[in-house]
Amino acid sequence: MRLKLLVLVLALQGACLLGMVAMQEHALATGKVLLLETAIIDPRDLLRGDYLILNYKISDVPGELFSPPVGNDFPVGTTVYVALAPATNRFYAVVKAGTNEFALASNEVLLKGKGTGTSWNAPTNSIHVEYGLERFYVAEGTGNPTGKLTAQVAVPASGRGHIKEVFVDGKPYAEAMKKGR
């Protein structure tokens, strides 16, 4: 009886892990792929290694793009839905935002995030939004890139984005950092 119970528990744990991996891979394979401009901060986590903190231009959303417009009293932790559309420079930019889902134009993509309050480094009346795309883990010793960083992000219908690749001056991160050493 104990052996059967142990096998059952191990099978359920394995199925749970495989399910999480399958969901992530499905989102990357089927999501709409966007190119986003970033800025970098370079921290290190002793338990998880080197990673980049990416701050996107779409992270600071002007209050007037919300329907209805919002101000400095925006509650922290509020779910934010942002419509992104391709800009003239091939990167995606925020065109409208709200605290509820809304209808999109044909060229727009809905990205879901959390409001973290008003932004201290953006123009007045901007709400800082985190999308879960702010950390990108890299190989040890490669966490200090120089150059323009961009991120390729897959956004499935759920609106929860996933980083596919980070580029340094247009080259994939791993390739750019190999040549930089």
Protein backbone atom coordinates (compact mmCIF):
# COMPACT_ATOMS: atom_id res chain seq x y z
CA MET A 1 0.00 0.00 0.00
CA ARG A 2 2.77 2.45 0.90
CA LEU A 3 4.63 1.71 -2.32
CA LYS A 4 1.51 2.43 -4.38
CA LEU A 5 0.98 5.68 -2.49
CA LEU A 6 4.62 6.71 -3.04
CA VAL A 7 4.38 5.93 -6.75
CA LEU A 8 1.13 7.91 -6.98
CA VAL A 9 2.64 10.95 -5.23
CA LEU A 10 5.75 10.84 -7.45
CA ALA A 11 3.60 10.48 -10.56
CA LEU A 12 1.47 13.49 -9.56
CA GLN A 13 4.56 15.61 -8.90
CA GLY A 14 6.04 14.61 -12.25
CA ALA A 15 2.76 15.36 -14.04
CA CYS A 16 2.60 18.77 -12.34
CA LEU A 17 6.14 19.65 -13.47
CA LEU A 18 5.50 18.43 -17.02
CA GLY A 19 2.25 20.43 -17.09
CA MET A 20 4.05 23.66 -16.10
CA VAL A 21 6.69 23.10 -18.79
CA ALA A 22 4.03 22.29 -21.39
CA MET A 23 2.09 25.48 -20.56
CA GLN A 24 5.23 27.63 -20.87
CA GLU A 25 6.23 26.02 -24.17
CA HIS A 26 2.70 26.37 -25.55
CA ALA A 27 2.66 30.09 -24.70
CA LEU A 28 6.05 30.61 -26.38
CA ALA A 29 5.02 28.65 -29.48
CA THR A 30 1.56 30.14 -30.01
CA GLY A 31 1.82 33.67 -28.59
CA LYS A 32 2.05 36.84 -30.66
CA VAL A 33 5.74 37.84 -30.83
CA LEU A 34 6.55 41.48 -29.96
CA LEU A 35 9.81 43.43 -29.90
CA LEU A 36 10.19 45.72 -26.86
CA GLU A 37 12.80 48.35 -26.01
CA THR A 38 14.49 47.96 -22.63
CA ALA A 39 16.85 49.59 -20.18
CA ILE A 40 19.08 47.50 -17.93
CA ILE A 41 20.02 47.15 -14.28
CA ASP A 42 22.56 44.41 -13.44
CA PRO A 43 21.98 42.58 -10.14
CA ARG A 44 23.11 39.15 -8.96
CA ASP A 45 21.19 36.59 -6.94
CA LEU A 46 23.39 34.31 -4.82
CA LEU A 47 20.96 31.40 -5.10
CA ARG A 48 19.89 31.74 -8.74
CA GLY A 49 22.93 33.34 -10.39
CA ASP A 50 23.24 36.25 -12.78
CA TYR A 51 20.20 37.91 -14.23
CA LEU A 52 19.22 41.16 -15.84
CA ILE A 53 16.45 43.41 -14.58
CA LEU A 54 14.80 44.80 -17.66
CA ASN A 55 12.83 48.03 -17.50
CA TYR A 56 10.66 48.46 -20.57
CA LYS A 57 9.53 51.70 -22.16
CA ILE A 58 6.00 50.26 -21.93
CA SER A 59 6.37 49.96 -18.13
CA ASP A 60 5.52 53.62 -17.50
CA VAL A 61 1.98 54.11 -18.77
CA PRO A 62 0.65 57.70 -18.91
CA GLY A 63 -2.49 58.09 -16.79
CA GLU A 64 -4.40 59.67 -19.67
CA LEU A 65 -4.15 56.42 -21.70
CA PHE A 66 -6.40 54.73 -19.13
CA SER A 67 -10.13 54.72 -19.65
CA PRO A 68 -11.18 56.52 -17.49
CA PRO A 69 -7.94 58.46 -16.88
CA VAL A 70 -6.18 57.71 -13.58
CA GLY A 71 -4.07 59.84 -11.27
CA ASN A 72 -1.50 59.56 -8.51
CA ASP A 73 -3.97 57.72 -6.25
CA PHE A 74 -3.80 54.55 -8.40
CA PRO A 75 -3.92 51.52 -6.03
CA VAL A 76 -0.77 49.38 -5.91
CA GLY A 77 -1.33 45.78 -7.03
CA THR A 78 -4.22 46.57 -9.35
CA THR A 79 -4.36 44.40 -12.48
CA VAL A 80 -3.65 46.52 -15.55
CA TYR A 81 -4.46 45.60 -19.15
CA VAL A 82 -2.38 47.38 -21.78
CA ALA A 83 -3.00 47.45 -25.53
CA LEU A 84 0.25 47.45 -27.52
CA ALA A 85 0.53 48.33 -31.19
CA PRO A 86 3.54 48.46 -33.51
CA ALA A 87 5.16 51.89 -33.62
CA THR A 88 7.10 53.34 -36.55
CA ASN A 89 10.41 52.00 -35.20
CA ARG A 90 9.22 48.28 -35.26
CA PHE A 91 8.94 48.21 -31.46
CA TYR A 92 5.57 47.97 -29.77
CA ALA A 93 4.19 50.89 -27.74
CA VAL A 94 1.25 51.43 -25.38
CA VAL A 95 -1.84 52.85 -27.10
CA LYS A 96 -4.43 52.41 -24.34
CA ALA A 97 -4.78 50.89 -20.89
CA GLY A 98 -7.41 49.97 -18.35
CA THR A 99 -8.14 48.03 -15.20
CA ASN A 100 -10.56 45.75 -17.07
CA GLU A 101 -10.14 43.87 -20.33
CA PHE A 102 -11.30 45.75 -23.40
CA ALA A 103 -11.78 45.26 -27.13
CA LEU A 104 -8.65 45.50 -29.29
CA ALA A 105 -8.08 46.82 -32.79
CA SER A 106 -6.79 44.29 -35.32
CA ASN A 107 -3.14 45.36 -34.96
CA GLU A 108 -3.14 45.48 -31.14
CA VAL A 109 -2.00 42.93 -28.55
CA LEU A 110 -3.27 42.79 -24.96
CA LEU A 111 -0.59 42.48 -22.26
CA LYS A 112 -1.55 41.96 -18.61
CA GLY A 113 0.43 43.37 -15.67
CA LYS A 114 0.24 44.77 -12.15
CA GLY A 115 0.33 48.44 -11.25
CA THR A 116 3.09 49.22 -8.75
CA GLY A 117 2.13 52.83 -8.16
CA THR A 118 3.13 56.06 -9.77
CA SER A 119 6.46 56.13 -11.54
CA TRP A 120 9.20 58.24 -9.99
CA ASN A 121 11.34 58.57 -13.15
CA ALA A 122 8.62 59.02 -15.78
CA PRO A 123 6.62 62.11 -16.71
CA THR A 124 4.04 63.17 -14.14
CA ASN A 125 0.88 61.11 -13.81
CA SER A 126 2.40 57.87 -15.13
CA ILE A 127 1.62 54.48 -13.64
CA HIS A 128 4.47 51.97 -13.40
CA VAL A 129 3.35 48.50 -14.54
CA GLU A 130 5.23 45.23 -14.09
CA TYR A 131 4.41 42.49 -16.60
CA GLY A 132 6.42 39.59 -15.18
CA LEU A 133 9.01 40.16 -17.90
CA GLU A 134 11.45 42.11 -15.75
CA ARG A 135 13.97 39.30 -14.99
CA PHE A 136 16.08 37.47 -17.57
CA TYR A 137 18.49 34.86 -16.22
CA VAL A 138 21.85 34.55 -17.99
CA ALA A 139 24.96 32.38 -17.82
CA GLU A 140 27.31 33.15 -14.94
CA GLY A 141 29.72 35.97 -15.69
CA THR A 142 27.66 37.34 -18.58
CA GLY A 143 25.41 39.68 -16.63
CA ASN A 144 27.04 42.96 -17.63
CA PRO A 145 26.24 43.71 -21.28
CA THR A 146 27.08 46.94 -23.04
CA GLY A 147 24.94 48.07 -25.93
CA LYS A 148 21.27 48.49 -26.76
CA LEU A 149 19.10 45.77 -25.26
CA THR A 150 15.81 44.67 -26.80
CA ALA A 151 13.52 41.82 -25.82
CA GLN A 152 11.46 39.52 -27.99
CA VAL A 153 8.32 38.61 -26.07
CA ALA A 154 5.58 36.08 -26.86
CA VAL A 155 2.10 37.10 -25.71
CA PRO A 156 -0.57 34.37 -25.82
CA ALA A 157 -4.30 35.04 -25.64
CA SER A 158 -4.14 35.05 -21.83
CA GLY A 159 -2.14 38.33 -21.97
CA ARG A 160 0.67 36.95 -19.80
CA GLY A 161 3.91 37.60 -21.71
CA HIS A 162 6.99 35.36 -21.84
CA ILE A 163 10.51 36.42 -22.86
CA LYS A 164 11.67 34.45 -25.91
CA GLU A 165 15.02 36.17 -26.42
CA VAL A 166 17.01 39.22 -25.37
CA PHE A 167 19.22 40.92 -27.93
CA VAL A 168 22.30 43.10 -27.47
CA ASP A 169 22.70 45.46 -30.43
CA GLY A 170 20.51 43.13 -32.51
CA LYS A 171 22.42 39.91 -31.70
CA PRO A 172 21.07 37.17 -29.41
CA TYR A 173 22.29 37.70 -25.86
CA ALA A 174 24.35 34.49 -25.53
CA GLU A 175 26.09 35.11 -28.87
CA ALA A 176 26.82 38.77 -28.10
CA MET A 177 28.25 37.93 -24.68
CA LYS A 178 30.51 35.15 -26.07
CA LYS A 179 32.12 37.61 -28.46
CA GLY A 180 32.37 40.23 -25.71
CA ARG A 181 34.53 38.08 -23.40
